Amino acid sequence: MGCWRGSGTVLACLLLLRPLPSPACPAACRCSSGDVDCREHALREVPQSLWANTSALWLGYNFITVLGPRSFPPLPGLLLLSLPHNRLELIHSRALVGLGALQELDLSDNHLTVLTPETFLPLVSLATLNLGSNRLGELDPEVLGALPQLQTLLLQNNPWACSCGILPLWRWLSHNGDKVPEKSLLLCKVPEQLNKYPIMAFRNESFRQCQESSLSAQHYITFFIIGPFSFMASIFFCTFMGSIIVVYDSLRRESYCWRRP
C-alpha cells in the first residue's frame, strides 16, 4: 500500500513537471521554433490562434485589406512582421499596439495611400520599414519621427506627387539620406512634366514659390475671423451712411420748404 502511495506521488510530480502544451499552430500556417509561416493561403485576416512566443510572422501573398485594432493577438516577442503582396488599404491607429518589440516590418506591394503618425507610435524598437510599391503620393515626416530606432527605410516604386506637398519629405530625405539606401530611385509620378524625375534632384530653389506662398494655420484662422467681421462691419457702415444721407436730404427739403414765400 505504501509503495502504491509512493508511486502515485511520483506520478503526480511528473505530471506537474511536464511542460504545458503549446497552442496549436493555425491550420493555414506552418510553425517551427517561433516562426509562423502563413504565406499564400488566401487569408483575409490575421490568424488569431498564434503562439504567444512567436518571433517571426510571415503573412505575404494573401488577401488582407485592413488591419483593425484587434487584428493581432498579444505577441510581446514578435521581432519580424512580413505583409508584402496583400491588398492593404488601411492600417488602424491601434492596429500595431502590443508589438513593441518589433524590429522589422514589411508592408511592400500593397495599396496604402495614407499613413498617420499614430500608426507606428507603438513600434518603439522598429529598425527596418519597407513601404515600397504602394500608392503613396506624399508622406508626412511625422510618421517617420514616431520611429526613434529607424535605421532603414524603403520607399521606392510609389507614385510621388511632386508638388509643394512633397517639400517636407524632401527635407527629411535631405537630412536622413543614410537611412534610405535607394533614395535615388524615388521618382515623381505627377505632374506629367515631372514624370520619372528624381525627387532628390530638386534643390532648395525648386521650392521657393512654395515657401513664399505657404501660410501657417494661424494665418488661416486670422482670415477666418477677420473675413466675416469685415463683412458685417461693411454692412453696418453702409447702412449708417445711408441713414445719414436720407436724414440729411429730408432736413434739406424741409428747410427749402420753409424758405419758400
C-alpha atoms as a PDB file:
ATOM      1  CA  MET A   1       0.000   0.000   0.000  1.00  0.00           C
ATOM      2  CA  GLY A   2       2.896   2.333   0.886  1.00  0.00           C
ATOM      3  CA  CYS A   3       4.582   1.531  -2.413  1.00  0.00           C
ATOM      4  CA  TRP A   4       1.396   2.375  -4.270  1.00  0.00           C
ATOM      5  CA  ARG A   5       1.167   5.707  -2.487  1.00  0.00           C
ATOM      6  CA  GLY A   6       4.807   6.410  -3.279  1.00  0.00           C
ATOM      7  CA  SER A   7       4.380   5.643  -6.970  1.00  0.00           C
ATOM      8  CA  GLY A   8       1.265   7.799  -7.074  1.00  0.00           C
ATOM      9  CA  THR A   9       3.176  10.710  -5.578  1.00  0.00           C
ATOM     10  CA  VAL A  10       5.976  10.297  -8.125  1.00  0.00           C
ATOM     11  CA  LEU A  11       3.435  10.183 -10.958  1.00  0.00           C
ATOM     12  CA  ALA A  12       1.751  13.339  -9.706  1.00  0.00           C
ATOM     13  CA  CYS A  13       5.113  15.116  -9.526  1.00  0.00           C
ATOM     14  CA  LEU A  14       5.979  14.034 -13.058  1.00  0.00           C
ATOM     15  CA  LEU A  15       2.657  15.386 -14.312  1.00  0.00           C
ATOM     16  CA  LEU A  16       3.296  18.734 -12.598  1.00  0.00           C
ATOM     17  CA  LEU A  17       6.792  18.970 -14.026  1.00  0.00           C
ATOM     18  CA  ARG A  18       5.642  18.236 -17.574  1.00  0.00           C
ATOM     19  CA  PRO A  19       5.525  21.465 -19.644  1.00  0.00           C
ATOM     20  CA  LEU A  20       2.133  22.790 -20.560  1.00  0.00           C
ATOM     21  CA  PRO A  21       1.049  22.007 -24.111  1.00  0.00           C
ATOM     22  CA  SER A  22       1.643  24.880 -26.523  1.00  0.00           C
ATOM     23  CA  PRO A  23      -1.301  26.248 -28.526  1.00  0.00           C
ATOM     24  CA  ALA A  24      -1.945  24.597 -31.841  1.00  0.00           C
ATOM     25  CA  CYS A  25      -0.455  26.088 -34.980  1.00  0.00           C
ATOM     26  CA  PRO A  26      -3.130  27.829 -37.146  1.00  0.00           C
ATOM     27  CA  ALA A  27      -4.491  25.493 -39.780  1.00  0.00           C
ATOM     28  CA  ALA A  28      -3.325  27.691 -42.661  1.00  0.00           C
ATOM     29  CA  CYS A  29       0.220  28.077 -41.305  1.00  0.00           C
ATOM     30  CA  ARG A  30       3.440  26.186 -40.712  1.00  0.00           C
ATOM     31  CA  CYS A  31       5.068  26.677 -37.320  1.00  0.00           C
ATOM     32  CA  SER A  32       8.598  25.977 -36.181  1.00  0.00           C
ATOM     33  CA  SER A  33      10.720  27.407 -33.333  1.00  0.00           C
ATOM     34  CA  GLY A  34       8.866  30.716 -33.046  1.00  0.00           C
ATOM     35  CA  ASP A  35       8.421  31.150 -36.816  1.00  0.00           C
ATOM     36  CA  VAL A  36       4.846  31.147 -38.124  1.00  0.00           C
ATOM     37  CA  ASP A  37       4.605  30.953 -41.911  1.00  0.00           C
ATOM     38  CA  CYS A  38       1.129  31.749 -43.270  1.00  0.00           C
ATOM     39  CA  ARG A  39       2.098  32.792 -46.812  1.00  0.00           C
ATOM     40  CA  GLU A  40      -0.015  32.039 -49.905  1.00  0.00           C
ATOM     41  CA  HIS A  41      -3.162  30.777 -48.201  1.00  0.00           C
ATOM     42  CA  ALA A  42      -5.707  33.371 -49.438  1.00  0.00           C
ATOM     43  CA  LEU A  43      -6.116  34.712 -45.891  1.00  0.00           C
ATOM     44  CA  ARG A  44      -8.350  37.763 -45.454  1.00  0.00           C
ATOM     45  CA  GLU A  45      -7.332  38.451 -41.854  1.00  0.00           C
ATOM     46  CA  VAL A  46      -4.536  37.693 -39.417  1.00  0.00           C
ATOM     47  CA  PRO A  47      -4.912  34.280 -37.697  1.00  0.00           C
ATOM     48  CA  GLN A  48      -5.718  34.676 -34.010  1.00  0.00           C
ATOM     49  CA  SER A  49      -4.504  31.332 -32.628  1.00  0.00           C
ATOM     50  CA  LEU A  50      -0.824  32.288 -32.754  1.00  0.00           C
ATOM     51  CA  TRP A  51       1.856  31.191 -30.335  1.00  0.00           C
ATOM     52  CA  ALA A  52       2.492  33.805 -27.665  1.00  0.00           C
ATOM     53  CA  ASN A  53       6.240  33.287 -28.195  1.00  0.00           C
ATOM     54  CA  THR A  54       6.031  33.923 -31.970  1.00  0.00           C
ATOM     55  CA  SER A  55       9.146  35.806 -33.084  1.00  0.00           C
ATOM     56  CA  ALA A  56       8.548  35.931 -36.857  1.00  0.00           C
ATOM     57  CA  LEU A  57       5.181  36.085 -38.631  1.00  0.00           C
ATOM     58  CA  TRP A  58       5.031  35.687 -42.410  1.00  0.00           C
ATOM     59  CA  LEU A  59       1.721  36.778 -43.990  1.00  0.00           C
ATOM     60  CA  GLY A  60       2.749  37.649 -47.543  1.00  0.00           C
ATOM     61  CA  TYR A  61       0.748  36.854 -50.697  1.00  0.00           C
ATOM     62  CA  ASN A  62      -2.689  36.859 -49.077  1.00  0.00           C
ATOM     63  CA  PHE A  63      -5.846  38.995 -49.412  1.00  0.00           C
ATOM     64  CA  ILE A  64      -5.679  41.085 -46.230  1.00  0.00           C
ATOM     65  CA  THR A  65      -7.161  44.552 -46.895  1.00  0.00           C
ATOM     66  CA  VAL A  66      -7.456  46.142 -43.423  1.00  0.00           C
ATOM     67  CA  LEU A  67      -5.517  45.908 -40.171  1.00  0.00           C
ATOM     68  CA  GLY A  68      -8.023  46.824 -37.480  1.00  0.00           C
ATOM     69  CA  PRO A  69      -7.492  47.496 -33.754  1.00  0.00           C
ATOM     70  CA  ARG A  70      -7.877  43.784 -32.921  1.00  0.00           C
ATOM     71  CA  SER A  71      -6.086  42.248 -35.890  1.00  0.00           C
ATOM     72  CA  PHE A  72      -3.226  40.837 -33.803  1.00  0.00           C
ATOM     73  CA  PRO A  73      -3.340  38.812 -30.582  1.00  0.00           C
ATOM     74  CA  PRO A  74      -0.776  39.748 -27.888  1.00  0.00           C
ATOM     75  CA  LEU A  75       2.668  38.997 -29.348  1.00  0.00           C
ATOM     76  CA  PRO A  76       5.198  40.573 -26.978  1.00  0.00           C
ATOM     77  CA  GLY A  77       8.149  38.717 -28.539  1.00  0.00           C
ATOM     78  CA  LEU A  78       7.409  39.396 -32.210  1.00  0.00           C
ATOM     79  CA  LEU A  79      10.525  40.711 -33.977  1.00  0.00           C
ATOM     80  CA  LEU A  80       9.573  40.389 -37.649  1.00  0.00           C
ATOM     81  CA  LEU A  81       6.210  41.004 -39.324  1.00  0.00           C
ATOM     82  CA  SER A  82       6.025  40.428 -43.085  1.00  0.00           C
ATOM     83  CA  LEU A  83       2.896  41.506 -45.017  1.00  0.00           C
ATOM     84  CA  PRO A  84       4.007  42.038 -48.645  1.00  0.00           C
ATOM     85  CA  HIS A  85       1.759  41.378 -51.653  1.00  0.00           C
ATOM     86  CA  ASN A  86      -1.561  41.717 -49.857  1.00  0.00           C
ATOM     87  CA  ARG A  87      -4.278  44.299 -50.591  1.00  0.00           C
ATOM     88  CA  LEU A  88      -3.734  46.517 -47.576  1.00  0.00           C
ATOM     89  CA  GLU A  89      -5.557  49.831 -47.892  1.00  0.00           C
ATOM     90  CA  LEU A  90      -5.909  50.875 -44.241  1.00  0.00           C
ATOM     91  CA  ILE A  91      -3.977  50.408 -41.017  1.00  0.00           C
ATOM     92  CA  HIS A  92      -5.938  51.440 -37.935  1.00  0.00           C
ATOM     93  CA  SER A  93      -4.165  53.755 -35.499  1.00  0.00           C
ATOM     94  CA  ARG A  94      -4.210  50.979 -32.856  1.00  0.00           C
ATOM     95  CA  ALA A  95      -3.592  48.029 -35.146  1.00  0.00           C
ATOM     96  CA  LEU A  96       0.022  47.534 -34.025  1.00  0.00           C
ATOM     97  CA  VAL A  97      -0.485  48.046 -30.285  1.00  0.00           C
ATOM     98  CA  GLY A  98       1.259  45.285 -28.358  1.00  0.00           C
ATOM     99  CA  LEU A  99       4.041  44.798 -30.906  1.00  0.00           C
ATOM    100  CA  GLY A 100       6.570  46.997 -29.120  1.00  0.00           C
ATOM    101  CA  ALA A 101       9.439  44.538 -29.654  1.00  0.00           C
ATOM    102  CA  LEU A 102       9.008  44.552 -33.438  1.00  0.00           C
ATOM    103  CA  GLN A 103      12.260  45.309 -35.282  1.00  0.00           C
ATOM    104  CA  GLU A 104      11.342  44.713 -38.936  1.00  0.00           C
ATOM    105  CA  LEU A 105       8.080  45.479 -40.751  1.00  0.00           C
ATOM    106  CA  ASP A 106       7.473  44.744 -44.436  1.00  0.00           C
ATOM    107  CA  LEU A 107       4.389  46.436 -45.942  1.00  0.00           C
ATOM    108  CA  SER A 108       5.603  46.473 -49.541  1.00  0.00           C
ATOM    109  CA  ASP A 109       3.432  45.765 -52.598  1.00  0.00           C
ATOM    110  CA  ASN A 110       0.149  46.861 -51.073  1.00  0.00           C
ATOM    111  CA  HIS A 111      -2.448  49.605 -51.710  1.00  0.00           C
ATOM    112  CA  LEU A 112      -1.564  52.062 -48.933  1.00  0.00           C
ATOM    113  CA  THR A 113      -2.240  55.713 -49.809  1.00  0.00           C
ATOM    114  CA  VAL A 114      -2.137  57.458 -46.405  1.00  0.00           C
ATOM    115  CA  LEU A 115      -0.207  56.818 -43.194  1.00  0.00           C
ATOM    116  CA  THR A 116      -0.626  58.742 -39.942  1.00  0.00           C
ATOM    117  CA  PRO A 117       1.935  59.198 -37.134  1.00  0.00           C
ATOM    118  CA  GLU A 118      -0.335  57.300 -34.731  1.00  0.00           C
ATOM    119  CA  THR A 119       0.004  54.159 -36.866  1.00  0.00           C
ATOM    120  CA  PHE A 120       3.622  53.468 -35.914  1.00  0.00           C
ATOM    121  CA  LEU A 121       3.710  55.003 -32.420  1.00  0.00           C
ATOM    122  CA  PRO A 122       3.713  51.567 -30.669  1.00  0.00           C
ATOM    123  CA  LEU A 123       6.795  50.431 -32.647  1.00  0.00           C
ATOM    124  CA  VAL A 124       9.469  51.971 -30.438  1.00  0.00           C
ATOM    125  CA  SER A 125      12.038  49.310 -31.447  1.00  0.00           C
ATOM    126  CA  LEU A 126      11.434  49.241 -35.211  1.00  0.00           C
ATOM    127  CA  ALA A 127      14.693  49.409 -37.198  1.00  0.00           C
ATOM    128  CA  THR A 128      13.605  48.447 -40.739  1.00  0.00           C
ATOM    129  CA  LEU A 129      10.437  49.614 -42.531  1.00  0.00           C
ATOM    130  CA  ASN A 130       9.569  48.676 -46.111  1.00  0.00           C
ATOM    131  CA  LEU A 131       6.863  50.821 -47.749  1.00  0.00           C
ATOM    132  CA  GLY A 132       7.931  50.183 -51.325  1.00  0.00           C
ATOM    133  CA  SER A 133       5.461  49.589 -54.169  1.00  0.00           C
ATOM    134  CA  ASN A 134       2.415  51.132 -52.526  1.00  0.00           C
ATOM    135  CA  ARG A 135       0.253  54.083 -53.646  1.00  0.00           C
ATOM    136  CA  LEU A 136       1.828  56.817 -51.558  1.00  0.00           C
ATOM    137  CA  GLY A 137       1.789  60.266 -53.163  1.00  0.00           C
ATOM    138  CA  GLU A 138       3.032  62.067 -50.036  1.00  0.00           C
ATOM    139  CA  LEU A 139       4.454  61.028 -46.679  1.00  0.00           C
ATOM    140  CA  ASP A 140       4.335  63.201 -43.578  1.00  0.00           C
ATOM    141  CA  PRO A 141       7.771  63.130 -41.860  1.00  0.00           C
ATOM    142  CA  GLU A 142       5.942  62.924 -38.516  1.00  0.00           C
ATOM    143  CA  VAL A 143       5.125  59.329 -39.485  1.00  0.00           C
ATOM    144  CA  LEU A 144       8.858  58.608 -39.523  1.00  0.00           C
ATOM    145  CA  GLY A 145       9.500  60.752 -36.462  1.00  0.00           C
ATOM    146  CA  ALA A 146       7.422  58.265 -34.459  1.00  0.00           C
ATOM    147  CA  LEU A 147      10.146  55.625 -35.040  1.00  0.00           C
ATOM    148  CA  PRO A 148      13.126  56.556 -32.825  1.00  0.00           C
ATOM    149  CA  GLN A 149      15.163  53.447 -33.741  1.00  0.00           C
ATOM    150  CA  LEU A 150      14.585  53.571 -37.508  1.00  0.00           C
ATOM    151  CA  GLN A 151      17.738  52.692 -39.473  1.00  0.00           C
ATOM    152  CA  THR A 152      16.499  51.524 -42.884  1.00  0.00           C
ATOM    153  CA  LEU A 153      13.548  52.884 -44.869  1.00  0.00           C
ATOM    154  CA  LEU A 154      12.459  51.641 -48.307  1.00  0.00           C
ATOM    155  CA  LEU A 155      10.140  53.903 -50.338  1.00  0.00           C
ATOM    156  CA  GLN A 156      10.765  53.032 -53.980  1.00  0.00           C
ATOM    157  CA  ASN A 157       8.029  52.472 -56.602  1.00  0.00           C
ATOM    158  CA  ASN A 158       5.443  54.838 -55.142  1.00  0.00           C
ATOM    159  CA  PRO A 159       3.560  57.418 -57.295  1.00  0.00           C
ATOM    160  CA  TRP A 160       5.043  60.508 -55.648  1.00  0.00           C
ATOM    161  CA  ALA A 161       3.226  63.787 -56.317  1.00  0.00           C
ATOM    162  CA  CYS A 162       5.988  66.363 -56.787  1.00  0.00           C
ATOM    163  CA  SER A 163       4.090  69.497 -55.782  1.00  0.00           C
ATOM    164  CA  CYS A 164       4.534  71.690 -52.714  1.00  0.00           C
ATOM    165  CA  GLY A 165       3.249  68.787 -50.599  1.00  0.00           C
ATOM    166  CA  ILE A 166       6.451  66.821 -51.235  1.00  0.00           C
ATOM    167  CA  LEU A 167       8.614  69.532 -49.623  1.00  0.00           C
ATOM    168  CA  PRO A 168       8.504  68.127 -46.025  1.00  0.00           C
ATOM    169  CA  LEU A 169       9.521  64.652 -47.242  1.00  0.00           C
ATOM    170  CA  TRP A 170      12.291  66.130 -49.422  1.00  0.00           C
ATOM    171  CA  ARG A 171      13.672  67.973 -46.394  1.00  0.00           C
ATOM    172  CA  TRP A 172      13.571  64.786 -44.304  1.00  0.00           C
ATOM    173  CA  LEU A 173      15.356  62.815 -47.017  1.00  0.00           C
ATOM    174  CA  SER A 174      17.984  65.541 -47.327  1.00  0.00           C
ATOM    175  CA  HIS A 175      18.855  65.188 -43.631  1.00  0.00           C
ATOM    176  CA  ASN A 176      18.313  61.427 -43.258  1.00  0.00           C
ATOM    177  CA  GLY A 177      19.515  60.113 -46.600  1.00  0.00           C
ATOM    178  CA  ASP A 178      21.697  57.476 -44.942  1.00  0.00           C
ATOM    179  CA  LYS A 179      18.519  55.704 -43.782  1.00  0.00           C
ATOM    180  CA  VAL A 180      17.144  55.404 -47.330  1.00  0.00           C
ATOM    181  CA  PRO A 181      19.548  53.209 -49.333  1.00  0.00           C
ATOM    182  CA  GLU A 182      17.598  53.589 -52.596  1.00  0.00           C
ATOM    183  CA  LYS A 183      16.635  57.260 -52.359  1.00  0.00           C
ATOM    184  CA  SER A 184      17.920  57.846 -55.912  1.00  0.00           C
ATOM    185  CA  LEU A 185      15.083  55.578 -57.110  1.00  0.00           C
ATOM    186  CA  LEU A 186      12.345  57.808 -55.670  1.00  0.00           C
ATOM    187  CA  LEU A 187      10.721  59.234 -58.814  1.00  0.00           C
ATOM    188  CA  CYS A 188       7.908  61.703 -59.400  1.00  0.00           C
ATOM    189  CA  LYS A 189       4.707  60.402 -60.941  1.00  0.00           C
ATOM    190  CA  VAL A 190       2.764  63.672 -61.208  1.00  0.00           C
ATOM    191  CA  PRO A 191       2.640  66.297 -62.603  1.00  0.00           C
ATOM    192  CA  GLU A 192       3.129  64.833 -66.055  1.00  0.00           C
ATOM    193  CA  GLN A 193       6.036  67.130 -66.953  1.00  0.00           C
ATOM    194  CA  LEU A 194       7.961  65.755 -63.957  1.00  0.00           C
ATOM    195  CA  ASN A 195       7.132  62.101 -64.551  1.00  0.00           C
ATOM    196  CA  LYS A 196      10.141  59.895 -63.622  1.00  0.00           C
ATOM    197  CA  TYR A 197      12.066  62.924 -62.333  1.00  0.00           C
ATOM    198  CA  PRO A 198      14.170  62.003 -59.245  1.00  0.00           C
ATOM    199  CA  ILE A 199      12.937  63.656 -56.058  1.00  0.00           C
ATOM    200  CA  MET A 200      16.487  64.084 -54.790  1.00  0.00           C
ATOM    201  CA  ALA A 201      17.384  66.066 -57.929  1.00  0.00           C
ATOM    202  CA  PHE A 202      15.368  69.001 -56.585  1.00  0.00           C
ATOM    203  CA  ARG A 203      17.182  71.847 -54.882  1.00  0.00           C
ATOM    204  CA  ASN A 204      16.030  74.330 -52.287  1.00  0.00           C
ATOM    205  CA  GLU A 205      15.389  76.874 -55.070  1.00  0.00           C
ATOM    206  CA  SER A 206      12.905  74.455 -56.631  1.00  0.00           C
ATOM    207  CA  PHE A 207      10.540  75.057 -53.706  1.00  0.00           C
ATOM    208  CA  ARG A 208      10.988  78.834 -53.496  1.00  0.00           C
ATOM    209  CA  GLN A 209       7.444  79.509 -54.690  1.00  0.00           C
ATOM    210  CA  CYS A 210       6.059  77.052 -52.129  1.00  0.00           C
ATOM    211  CA  GLN A 211       7.985  78.682 -49.294  1.00  0.00           C
ATOM    212  CA  GLU A 212       6.917  82.198 -50.301  1.00  0.00           C
ATOM    213  CA  SER A 213       3.238  81.360 -50.686  1.00  0.00           C
ATOM    214  CA  SER A 214       2.899  78.976 -47.773  1.00  0.00           C
ATOM    215  CA  LEU A 215       0.616  80.123 -44.954  1.00  0.00           C
ATOM    216  CA  SER A 216       0.572  78.842 -41.428  1.00  0.00           C
ATOM    217  CA  ALA A 217      -2.526  77.658 -39.599  1.00  0.00           C
ATOM    218  CA  GLN A 218      -2.570  80.927 -37.640  1.00  0.00           C
ATOM    219  CA  HIS A 219      -2.875  82.871 -40.890  1.00  0.00           C
ATOM    220  CA  TYR A 220      -5.887  80.828 -41.959  1.00  0.00           C
ATOM    221  CA  ILE A 221      -7.525  81.276 -38.540  1.00  0.00           C
ATOM    222  CA  THR A 222      -6.942  85.034 -38.720  1.00  0.00           C
ATOM    223  CA  PHE A 223      -8.506  85.226 -42.174  1.00  0.00           C
ATOM    224  CA  PHE A 224     -11.442  83.139 -40.979  1.00  0.00           C
ATOM    225  CA  ILE A 225     -12.115  85.544 -38.103  1.00  0.00           C
ATOM    226  CA  ILE A 226     -11.433  88.824 -39.921  1.00  0.00           C
ATOM    227  CA  GLY A 227     -13.406  87.902 -43.060  1.00  0.00           C
ATOM    228  CA  PRO A 228     -16.930  87.658 -41.522  1.00  0.00           C
ATOM    229  CA  PHE A 229     -16.202  90.565 -39.161  1.00  0.00           C
ATOM    230  CA  SER A 230     -15.193  92.797 -42.070  1.00  0.00           C
ATOM    231  CA  PHE A 231     -18.301  91.757 -43.994  1.00  0.00           C
ATOM    232  CA  MET A 232     -20.631  92.633 -41.101  1.00  0.00           C
ATOM    233  CA  ALA A 233     -18.764  95.890 -40.447  1.00  0.00           C
ATOM    234  CA  SER A 234     -19.132  96.939 -44.084  1.00  0.00           C
ATOM    235  CA  ILE A 235     -22.902  96.275 -43.970  1.00  0.00           C
ATOM    236  CA  PHE A 236     -23.256  98.309 -40.764  1.00  0.00           C
ATOM    237  CA  PHE A 237     -21.177 101.161 -42.205  1.00  0.00           C
ATOM    238  CA  CYS A 238     -23.190 101.287 -45.445  1.00  0.00           C
ATOM    239  CA  THR A 239     -26.474 101.232 -43.509  1.00  0.00           C
ATOM    240  CA  PHE A 240     -25.277 104.006 -41.185  1.00  0.00           C
ATOM    241  CA  MET A 241     -24.079 106.211 -44.044  1.00  0.00           C
ATOM    242  CA  GLY A 242     -27.286 105.604 -45.980  1.00  0.00           C
ATOM    243  CA  SER A 243     -29.358 106.655 -42.959  1.00  0.00           C
ATOM    244  CA  ILE A 244     -27.337 109.862 -42.561  1.00  0.00           C
ATOM    245  CA  ILE A 245     -27.808 110.726 -46.234  1.00  0.00           C
ATOM    246  CA  VAL A 246     -31.569 110.105 -46.026  1.00  0.00           C
ATOM    247  CA  VAL A 247     -31.917 112.248 -42.868  1.00  0.00           C
ATOM    248  CA  TYR A 248     -29.768 114.991 -44.366  1.00  0.00           C
ATOM    249  CA  ASP A 249     -31.837 115.020 -47.575  1.00  0.00           C
ATOM    250  CA  SER A 250     -35.097 115.180 -45.567  1.00  0.00           C
ATOM    251  CA  LEU A 251     -33.827 118.105 -43.479  1.00  0.00           C
ATOM    252  CA  ARG A 252     -32.629 119.938 -46.583  1.00  0.00           C
ATOM    253  CA  ARG A 253     -36.016 119.575 -48.251  1.00  0.00           C
ATOM    254  CA  GLU A 254     -37.814 120.716 -45.103  1.00  0.00           C
ATOM    255  CA  SER A 255     -35.581 123.789 -44.852  1.00  0.00           C
ATOM    256  CA  TYR A 256     -36.250 124.568 -48.538  1.00  0.00           C
ATOM    257  CA  CYS A 257     -39.994 124.400 -47.958  1.00  0.00           C
ATOM    258  CA  TRP A 258     -39.822 126.842 -45.040  1.00  0.00           C
ATOM    259  CA  ARG A 259     -37.846 129.319 -47.126  1.00  0.00           C
ATOM    260  CA  ARG A 260     -40.463 129.424 -49.904  1.00  0.00           C
ATOM    261  CA  PRO A 261     -42.760 132.593 -49.664  1.00  0.00           C
END
